[in-house]
Amino acid sequence: MGKRGTVADYAGNELYAGDLITYGARQGNRVRLADAIIEKVTVRKVHGILRPMLLVQPTGTESGFVPRKKLRKEWISTEHARLCLPDVVGDRDE
């Protein structure tokens, strides 16, 4: 098995744990933009296709009038994520 490549957002920026991203989150019948910090980056097989997935922790900063009730961790696909600030947590060694 070969080495895994990098996971990127829709603009081609590489995503790693500890990065701050913006993504589209559903709220009822609407979509809001939410900021989150990436906890884990992985790839899952969905219907025979490898799909990059992110475990994110929302920060509470988001669009919309109704605030989020719980800031639980969520699994999201990278196709709707955009990198805002790399390595905001400061854990990455490069």
Protein backbone atom coordinates (compact mmCIF):
# COMPACT_ATOMS: atom_id res chain seq x y z
CA MET A 1 0.00 0.00 0.00
CA GLY A 2 1.41 3.39 -0.96
CA LYS A 3 1.85 6.45 1.18
CA ARG A 4 -1.27 8.58 1.57
CA GLY A 5 -1.18 11.95 -0.17
CA THR A 6 -2.37 15.20 1.34
CA VAL A 7 -5.99 16.18 1.89
CA ALA A 8 -6.93 19.56 0.43
CA ASP A 9 -9.88 21.96 0.48
CA TYR A 10 -11.75 22.95 -2.69
CA ALA A 11 -9.11 25.61 -3.50
CA GLY A 12 -6.21 23.16 -3.24
CA ASN A 13 -4.84 24.28 0.15
CA GLU A 14 -3.57 21.37 2.25
CA LEU A 15 -5.53 20.63 5.43
CA TYR A 16 -3.98 19.33 8.66
CA ALA A 17 -5.10 18.86 12.26
CA GLY A 18 -5.04 22.20 14.09
CA ASP A 19 -6.05 24.33 11.08
CA LEU A 20 -8.98 26.78 11.24
CA ILE A 21 -11.49 26.23 8.44
CA THR A 22 -14.84 27.61 7.30
CA TYR A 23 -17.49 25.16 6.09
CA GLY A 24 -21.17 25.04 5.18
CA ALA A 25 -23.32 23.67 8.02
CA ARG A 26 -27.03 22.85 7.82
CA GLN A 27 -29.53 24.40 10.20
CA GLY A 28 -33.01 23.16 9.49
CA ASN A 29 -33.81 24.16 5.92
CA ARG A 30 -30.94 26.64 5.61
CA VAL A 31 -27.16 26.58 5.33
CA ARG A 32 -24.88 28.71 7.48
CA LEU A 33 -21.15 29.30 7.37
CA ALA A 34 -19.33 28.05 10.45
CA ASP A 35 -15.72 28.20 11.64
CA ALA A 36 -14.10 25.10 13.12
CA ILE A 37 -10.74 23.66 14.10
CA ILE A 38 -9.73 20.36 12.50
CA GLU A 39 -9.27 17.56 15.04
CA LYS A 40 -8.55 14.65 12.67
CA VAL A 41 -8.02 14.16 8.92
CA THR A 42 -8.88 10.78 7.38
CA VAL A 43 -10.19 9.10 4.24
CA ARG A 44 -13.34 6.92 4.17
CA LYS A 45 -14.70 4.67 1.47
CA VAL A 46 -18.22 5.75 0.47
CA HIS A 47 -19.97 3.78 -2.31
CA GLY A 48 -16.61 2.50 -3.54
CA ILE A 49 -14.99 5.95 -3.72
CA LEU A 50 -12.34 7.21 -1.30
CA ARG A 51 -13.65 10.45 0.22
CA PRO A 52 -11.53 12.73 2.43
CA MET A 53 -13.24 13.49 5.74
CA LEU A 54 -12.50 15.88 8.62
CA LEU A 55 -13.42 15.64 12.29
CA VAL A 56 -13.97 19.28 13.28
CA GLN A 57 -14.70 21.14 16.52
CA PRO A 58 -16.89 24.21 15.83
CA THR A 59 -15.65 27.42 17.44
CA GLY A 60 -19.08 29.06 17.79
CA THR A 61 -18.34 31.78 15.21
CA GLU A 62 -20.89 31.41 12.43
CA SER A 63 -23.46 33.19 10.32
CA GLY A 64 -27.17 33.02 11.10
CA PHE A 65 -29.55 34.48 13.64
CA VAL A 66 -30.12 31.40 15.80
CA PRO A 67 -27.00 30.36 17.75
CA ARG A 68 -25.89 26.74 17.79
CA LYS A 69 -27.17 24.86 20.85
CA LYS A 70 -24.25 22.45 21.20
CA LEU A 71 -20.69 22.70 19.97
CA ARG A 72 -20.24 18.97 19.37
CA LYS A 73 -17.59 17.55 17.06
CA GLU A 74 -18.77 16.71 13.54
CA TRP A 75 -17.52 14.68 10.59
CA ILE A 76 -17.60 16.73 7.38
CA SER A 77 -16.42 16.22 3.83
CA THR A 78 -13.65 18.42 2.48
CA GLU A 79 -15.66 19.42 -0.61
CA HIS A 80 -17.35 22.25 1.35
CA ALA A 81 -14.41 23.28 3.55
CA ARG A 82 -12.06 26.24 3.03
CA LEU A 83 -8.82 26.91 4.93
CA CYS A 84 -8.84 30.19 6.91
CA LEU A 85 -5.70 30.05 9.07
CA PRO A 86 -3.16 27.23 9.13
CA ASP A 87 -1.94 25.77 12.45
CA VAL A 88 -3.87 27.96 14.91
CA VAL A 89 -3.35 25.38 17.65
CA GLY A 90 0.44 25.33 17.21
CA ASP A 91 0.90 21.54 17.40
CA ARG A 92 2.35 20.98 13.93
CA ASP A 93 6.09 20.56 13.44
CA GLU A 94 7.33 21.35 9.92
